[in-house]
Amino acid sequence: MNDKSFELFSKEHAASEKFDYFICSIAGALFAYIGQTYAPHTFDCWYYYLMPGALLLLTVSFLFGLWLIKVSKDITKLNQTYVSYHEANQQIQIQLHEVDKATGKPLERFMSQLGEFASRQDLIAMMMQNTERIKKASKQSSQKARFADKLELTRNISLAIGFALILFSKFLQPYFAAK
């Protein structure tokens, strides 16, 4: 990844994390605001279902927001694993293309990172193993990303409906409190 794309990725990732924390804060703050003045009623009128429904949806939004943050961290770790194996394969490819300066022929034995000598076949086997790990991390990351999208949608919808229920409740309260 070149410097510009890495910089853009870093900024987008940081903004996404901040937004997730912000939405969780909004859900928690709305819950606290409603919770401090909420007085339970018997459910003898449809109006009295609005506030408990809003509190339930705000709780769902908050919990799904926390879950989304956890899944996002997992995706970042998987992507880090993916990149580290990809970089390891690039280093192996560089080694495989090295030639003996004196003869001009490809080297047959290489110094590994552990200070031991490895053959060309060993390096190719390590590349194949890394490639399998890359595929596995990529598949897991894609699955978690699809799941994260569903979590985000559920969080946002429950927050929006909870907020709407609070507004309806506050708007309708004067009309039903007089009865």
C-alpha atoms as a PDB file:
ATOM      1  CA  MET A   1       0.000   0.000   0.000  1.00  0.00           C
ATOM      2  CA  ASN A   2       1.511   3.314  -0.969  1.00  0.00           C
ATOM      3  CA  ASP A   3       1.720   6.242   1.428  1.00  0.00           C
ATOM      4  CA  LYS A   4      -1.328   8.146   0.094  1.00  0.00           C
ATOM      5  CA  SER A   5      -3.664   5.155   0.154  1.00  0.00           C
ATOM      6  CA  PHE A   6      -2.405   4.153   3.604  1.00  0.00           C
ATOM      7  CA  GLU A   7      -2.980   7.691   4.862  1.00  0.00           C
ATOM      8  CA  LEU A   8      -6.520   7.738   3.430  1.00  0.00           C
ATOM      9  CA  PHE A   9      -7.254   4.305   4.893  1.00  0.00           C
ATOM     10  CA  SER A  10      -5.972   5.399   8.309  1.00  0.00           C
ATOM     11  CA  LYS A  11      -8.109   8.537   8.303  1.00  0.00           C
ATOM     12  CA  GLU A  12     -11.231   6.662   7.172  1.00  0.00           C
ATOM     13  CA  HIS A  13     -10.670   3.933   9.758  1.00  0.00           C
ATOM     14  CA  ALA A  14     -10.200   6.473  12.567  1.00  0.00           C
ATOM     15  CA  ALA A  15     -13.305   8.388  11.485  1.00  0.00           C
ATOM     16  CA  SER A  16     -15.340   5.185  11.367  1.00  0.00           C
ATOM     17  CA  GLU A  17     -14.240   4.220  14.883  1.00  0.00           C
ATOM     18  CA  LYS A  18     -15.046   7.694  16.228  1.00  0.00           C
ATOM     19  CA  PHE A  19     -18.479   7.562  14.601  1.00  0.00           C
ATOM     20  CA  ASP A  20     -19.217   4.166  16.187  1.00  0.00           C
ATOM     21  CA  TYR A  21     -18.235   5.474  19.635  1.00  0.00           C
ATOM     22  CA  PHE A  22     -20.316   8.620  19.012  1.00  0.00           C
ATOM     23  CA  ILE A  23     -23.431   6.632  18.119  1.00  0.00           C
ATOM     24  CA  CYS A  24     -23.002   4.462  21.228  1.00  0.00           C
ATOM     25  CA  SER A  25     -22.678   7.650  23.278  1.00  0.00           C
ATOM     26  CA  ILE A  26     -25.879   9.051  21.761  1.00  0.00           C
ATOM     27  CA  ALA A  27     -27.810   5.867  22.550  1.00  0.00           C
ATOM     28  CA  GLY A  28     -26.458   5.828  26.116  1.00  0.00           C
ATOM     29  CA  ALA A  29     -27.164   9.526  26.651  1.00  0.00           C
ATOM     30  CA  LEU A  30     -30.738   9.233  25.377  1.00  0.00           C
ATOM     31  CA  PHE A  31     -31.281   6.212  27.613  1.00  0.00           C
ATOM     32  CA  ALA A  32     -29.939   8.116  30.627  1.00  0.00           C
ATOM     33  CA  TYR A  33     -32.058  11.172  29.791  1.00  0.00           C
ATOM     34  CA  ILE A  34     -35.248   9.147  29.547  1.00  0.00           C
ATOM     35  CA  GLY A  35     -34.342   6.878  32.447  1.00  0.00           C
ATOM     36  CA  GLN A  36     -33.934   9.745  34.907  1.00  0.00           C
ATOM     37  CA  THR A  37     -37.528  10.959  34.489  1.00  0.00           C
ATOM     38  CA  TYR A  38     -39.282   7.751  33.475  1.00  0.00           C
ATOM     39  CA  ALA A  39     -42.169   6.729  35.705  1.00  0.00           C
ATOM     40  CA  PRO A  40     -43.733   3.332  34.997  1.00  0.00           C
ATOM     41  CA  HIS A  41     -47.439   3.164  34.256  1.00  0.00           C
ATOM     42  CA  THR A  42     -49.914   0.391  33.826  1.00  0.00           C
ATOM     43  CA  PHE A  43     -50.299  -0.405  30.162  1.00  0.00           C
ATOM     44  CA  ASP A  44     -53.940   0.590  29.917  1.00  0.00           C
ATOM     45  CA  CYS A  45     -53.349   2.894  26.949  1.00  0.00           C
ATOM     46  CA  TRP A  46     -51.203   2.460  23.830  1.00  0.00           C
ATOM     47  CA  TYR A  47     -49.404   5.697  24.718  1.00  0.00           C
ATOM     48  CA  TYR A  48     -47.730   4.082  27.716  1.00  0.00           C
ATOM     49  CA  TYR A  49     -45.932   1.572  25.471  1.00  0.00           C
ATOM     50  CA  LEU A  50     -43.890   4.300  23.752  1.00  0.00           C
ATOM     51  CA  MET A  51     -41.313   5.028  26.487  1.00  0.00           C
ATOM     52  CA  PRO A  52     -40.569   1.394  27.419  1.00  0.00           C
ATOM     53  CA  GLY A  53     -40.291   0.651  23.708  1.00  0.00           C
ATOM     54  CA  ALA A  54     -37.889   3.562  23.263  1.00  0.00           C
ATOM     55  CA  LEU A  55     -35.790   2.407  26.224  1.00  0.00           C
ATOM     56  CA  LEU A  56     -35.665  -1.124  24.831  1.00  0.00           C
ATOM     57  CA  LEU A  57     -34.626   0.096  21.363  1.00  0.00           C
ATOM     58  CA  LEU A  58     -31.973   2.415  22.798  1.00  0.00           C
ATOM     59  CA  THR A  59     -30.569  -0.506  24.772  1.00  0.00           C
ATOM     60  CA  VAL A  60     -30.518  -2.646  21.609  1.00  0.00           C
ATOM     61  CA  SER A  61     -28.797   0.169  19.711  1.00  0.00           C
ATOM     62  CA  PHE A  62     -26.161   0.586  22.417  1.00  0.00           C
ATOM     63  CA  LEU A  63     -25.437  -3.141  22.674  1.00  0.00           C
ATOM     64  CA  PHE A  64     -25.267  -3.593  18.900  1.00  0.00           C
ATOM     65  CA  GLY A  65     -22.951  -0.581  18.745  1.00  0.00           C
ATOM     66  CA  LEU A  66     -20.586  -2.194  21.249  1.00  0.00           C
ATOM     67  CA  TRP A  67     -20.765  -5.443  19.328  1.00  0.00           C
ATOM     68  CA  LEU A  68     -19.966  -3.563  16.115  1.00  0.00           C
ATOM     69  CA  ILE A  69     -16.883  -2.011  17.735  1.00  0.00           C
ATOM     70  CA  LYS A  70     -15.708  -5.501  18.783  1.00  0.00           C
ATOM     71  CA  VAL A  71     -16.258  -6.926  15.291  1.00  0.00           C
ATOM     72  CA  SER A  72     -14.433  -3.951  13.737  1.00  0.00           C
ATOM     73  CA  LYS A  73     -11.424  -4.641  15.948  1.00  0.00           C
ATOM     74  CA  ASP A  74     -11.500  -8.301  14.910  1.00  0.00           C
ATOM     75  CA  ILE A  75     -11.577  -7.288  11.231  1.00  0.00           C
ATOM     76  CA  THR A  76      -8.599  -4.985  11.761  1.00  0.00           C
ATOM     77  CA  LYS A  77      -6.634  -7.838  13.369  1.00  0.00           C
ATOM     78  CA  LEU A  78      -7.501 -10.169  10.491  1.00  0.00           C
ATOM     79  CA  ASN A  79      -6.428  -7.541   7.971  1.00  0.00           C
ATOM     80  CA  GLN A  80      -3.168  -7.064   9.865  1.00  0.00           C
ATOM     81  CA  THR A  81      -2.578 -10.826   9.660  1.00  0.00           C
ATOM     82  CA  TYR A  82      -3.384 -10.758   5.938  1.00  0.00           C
ATOM     83  CA  VAL A  83      -0.888  -7.953   5.300  1.00  0.00           C
ATOM     84  CA  SER A  84       1.883  -9.544   7.399  1.00  0.00           C
ATOM     85  CA  TYR A  85       1.657 -12.836   5.473  1.00  0.00           C
ATOM     86  CA  HIS A  86       1.520 -10.957   2.182  1.00  0.00           C
ATOM     87  CA  GLU A  87       4.662  -9.017   3.127  1.00  0.00           C
ATOM     88  CA  ALA A  88       6.378 -12.256   4.174  1.00  0.00           C
ATOM     89  CA  ASN A  89       5.595 -13.716   0.751  1.00  0.00           C
ATOM     90  CA  GLN A  90       7.045 -10.628  -0.916  1.00  0.00           C
ATOM     91  CA  GLN A  91      10.269 -11.075   1.050  1.00  0.00           C
ATOM     92  CA  ILE A  92      10.424 -14.738   0.053  1.00  0.00           C
ATOM     93  CA  GLN A  93       9.929 -13.794  -3.600  1.00  0.00           C
ATOM     94  CA  ILE A  94      12.779 -11.299  -3.331  1.00  0.00           C
ATOM     95  CA  GLN A  95      14.992 -14.027  -1.880  1.00  0.00           C
ATOM     96  CA  LEU A  96      13.976 -16.472  -4.615  1.00  0.00           C
ATOM     97  CA  HIS A  97      15.036 -13.958  -7.267  1.00  0.00           C
ATOM     98  CA  GLU A  98      18.436 -13.299  -5.726  1.00  0.00           C
ATOM     99  CA  VAL A  99      21.364 -14.517  -7.719  1.00  0.00           C
ATOM    100  CA  ASP A 100      24.927 -15.348  -6.891  1.00  0.00           C
ATOM    101  CA  LYS A 101      26.919 -12.265  -7.788  1.00  0.00           C
ATOM    102  CA  ALA A 102      29.886 -14.340  -8.996  1.00  0.00           C
ATOM    103  CA  THR A 103      28.091 -16.920 -11.154  1.00  0.00           C
ATOM    104  CA  GLY A 104      24.890 -15.074 -12.071  1.00  0.00           C
ATOM    105  CA  LYS A 105      22.865 -18.218 -11.276  1.00  0.00           C
ATOM    106  CA  PRO A 106      19.933 -18.294  -8.830  1.00  0.00           C
ATOM    107  CA  LEU A 107      20.891 -19.170  -5.286  1.00  0.00           C
ATOM    108  CA  GLU A 108      19.866 -22.613  -4.096  1.00  0.00           C
ATOM    109  CA  ARG A 109      20.165 -22.040  -0.325  1.00  0.00           C
ATOM    110  CA  PHE A 110      19.015 -18.955   1.549  1.00  0.00           C
ATOM    111  CA  MET A 111      19.479 -17.548   5.022  1.00  0.00           C
ATOM    112  CA  SER A 112      16.117 -17.564   6.777  1.00  0.00           C
ATOM    113  CA  GLN A 113      15.032 -14.990   9.340  1.00  0.00           C
ATOM    114  CA  LEU A 114      16.061 -17.382  12.100  1.00  0.00           C
ATOM    115  CA  GLY A 115      19.642 -17.483  10.838  1.00  0.00           C
ATOM    116  CA  GLU A 116      19.273 -20.995   9.401  1.00  0.00           C
ATOM    117  CA  PHE A 117      19.736 -21.964   5.786  1.00  0.00           C
ATOM    118  CA  ALA A 118      16.642 -22.838   3.778  1.00  0.00           C
ATOM    119  CA  SER A 119      16.376 -24.403   0.345  1.00  0.00           C
ATOM    120  CA  ARG A 120      14.380 -23.045  -2.575  1.00  0.00           C
ATOM    121  CA  GLN A 121      11.761 -25.774  -1.966  1.00  0.00           C
ATOM    122  CA  ASP A 122      11.462 -24.766   1.704  1.00  0.00           C
ATOM    123  CA  LEU A 123      10.843 -21.144   0.712  1.00  0.00           C
ATOM    124  CA  ILE A 124       8.238 -22.148  -1.858  1.00  0.00           C
ATOM    125  CA  ALA A 125       6.512 -24.317   0.765  1.00  0.00           C
ATOM    126  CA  MET A 126       6.510 -21.352   3.179  1.00  0.00           C
ATOM    127  CA  MET A 127       4.974 -19.179   0.452  1.00  0.00           C
ATOM    128  CA  MET A 128       2.240 -21.745  -0.182  1.00  0.00           C
ATOM    129  CA  GLN A 129       1.518 -21.998   3.535  1.00  0.00           C
ATOM    130  CA  ASN A 130       1.360 -18.185   3.795  1.00  0.00           C
ATOM    131  CA  THR A 131      -0.930 -18.067   0.760  1.00  0.00           C
ATOM    132  CA  GLU A 132      -3.359 -20.455   2.482  1.00  0.00           C
ATOM    133  CA  ARG A 133      -3.255 -18.287   5.602  1.00  0.00           C
ATOM    134  CA  ILE A 134      -3.914 -15.206   3.457  1.00  0.00           C
ATOM    135  CA  LYS A 135      -6.964 -16.853   1.892  1.00  0.00           C
ATOM    136  CA  LYS A 136      -8.272 -17.902   5.306  1.00  0.00           C
ATOM    137  CA  ALA A 137      -7.802 -14.422   6.823  1.00  0.00           C
ATOM    138  CA  SER A 138      -9.380 -12.796   3.764  1.00  0.00           C
ATOM    139  CA  LYS A 139     -12.418 -15.089   3.914  1.00  0.00           C
ATOM    140  CA  GLN A 140     -12.895 -14.507   7.650  1.00  0.00           C
ATOM    141  CA  SER A 141     -12.497 -10.756   7.206  1.00  0.00           C
ATOM    142  CA  SER A 142     -15.104 -10.701   4.425  1.00  0.00           C
ATOM    143  CA  GLN A 143     -17.573 -12.694   6.521  1.00  0.00           C
ATOM    144  CA  LYS A 144     -17.078 -10.419   9.513  1.00  0.00           C
ATOM    145  CA  ALA A 145     -17.441  -7.324   7.311  1.00  0.00           C
ATOM    146  CA  ARG A 146     -20.838  -8.541   6.047  1.00  0.00           C
ATOM    147  CA  PHE A 147     -21.880  -9.264   9.643  1.00  0.00           C
ATOM    148  CA  ALA A 148     -20.645  -5.805  10.718  1.00  0.00           C
ATOM    149  CA  ASP A 149     -22.811  -4.209   8.029  1.00  0.00           C
ATOM    150  CA  LYS A 150     -25.872  -5.990   9.464  1.00  0.00           C
ATOM    151  CA  LEU A 151     -24.944  -4.922  12.998  1.00  0.00           C
ATOM    152  CA  GLU A 152     -24.534  -1.318  11.870  1.00  0.00           C
ATOM    153  CA  LEU A 153     -27.899  -1.303  10.100  1.00  0.00           C
ATOM    154  CA  THR A 154     -29.654  -2.791  13.149  1.00  0.00           C
ATOM    155  CA  ARG A 155     -27.941  -0.303  15.474  1.00  0.00           C
ATOM    156  CA  ASN A 156     -28.913   2.669  13.331  1.00  0.00           C
ATOM    157  CA  ILE A 157     -32.529   1.576  12.792  1.00  0.00           C
ATOM    158  CA  SER A 158     -33.109   0.834  16.470  1.00  0.00           C
ATOM    159  CA  LEU A 159     -31.599   4.199  17.427  1.00  0.00           C
ATOM    160  CA  ALA A 160     -33.763   6.055  14.902  1.00  0.00           C
ATOM    161  CA  ILE A 161     -36.973   4.288  15.950  1.00  0.00           C
ATOM    162  CA  GLY A 162     -36.133   4.750  19.646  1.00  0.00           C
ATOM    163  CA  PHE A 163     -35.571   8.452  19.073  1.00  0.00           C
ATOM    164  CA  ALA A 164     -38.852   8.698  17.136  1.00  0.00           C
ATOM    165  CA  LEU A 165     -40.712   6.956  19.982  1.00  0.00           C
ATOM    166  CA  ILE A 166     -39.267   9.472  22.446  1.00  0.00           C
ATOM    167  CA  LEU A 167     -40.430  12.347  20.246  1.00  0.00           C
ATOM    168  CA  PHE A 168     -43.922  10.868  19.840  1.00  0.00           C
ATOM    169  CA  SER A 169     -44.154  10.226  23.552  1.00  0.00           C
ATOM    170  CA  LYS A 170     -43.107  13.771  24.462  1.00  0.00           C
ATOM    171  CA  PHE A 171     -45.400  15.242  21.820  1.00  0.00           C
ATOM    172  CA  LEU A 172     -48.412  13.153  22.813  1.00  0.00           C
ATOM    173  CA  GLN A 173     -47.896  13.382  26.593  1.00  0.00           C
ATOM    174  CA  PRO A 174     -49.878  16.603  27.075  1.00  0.00           C
ATOM    175  CA  TYR A 175     -52.862  15.166  25.236  1.00  0.00           C
ATOM    176  CA  PHE A 176     -53.043  11.924  27.202  1.00  0.00           C
ATOM    177  CA  ALA A 177     -51.908  13.198  30.606  1.00  0.00           C
ATOM    178  CA  ALA A 178     -55.066  15.297  30.928  1.00  0.00           C
ATOM    179  CA  LYS A 179     -57.305  12.196  30.887  1.00  0.00           C
END
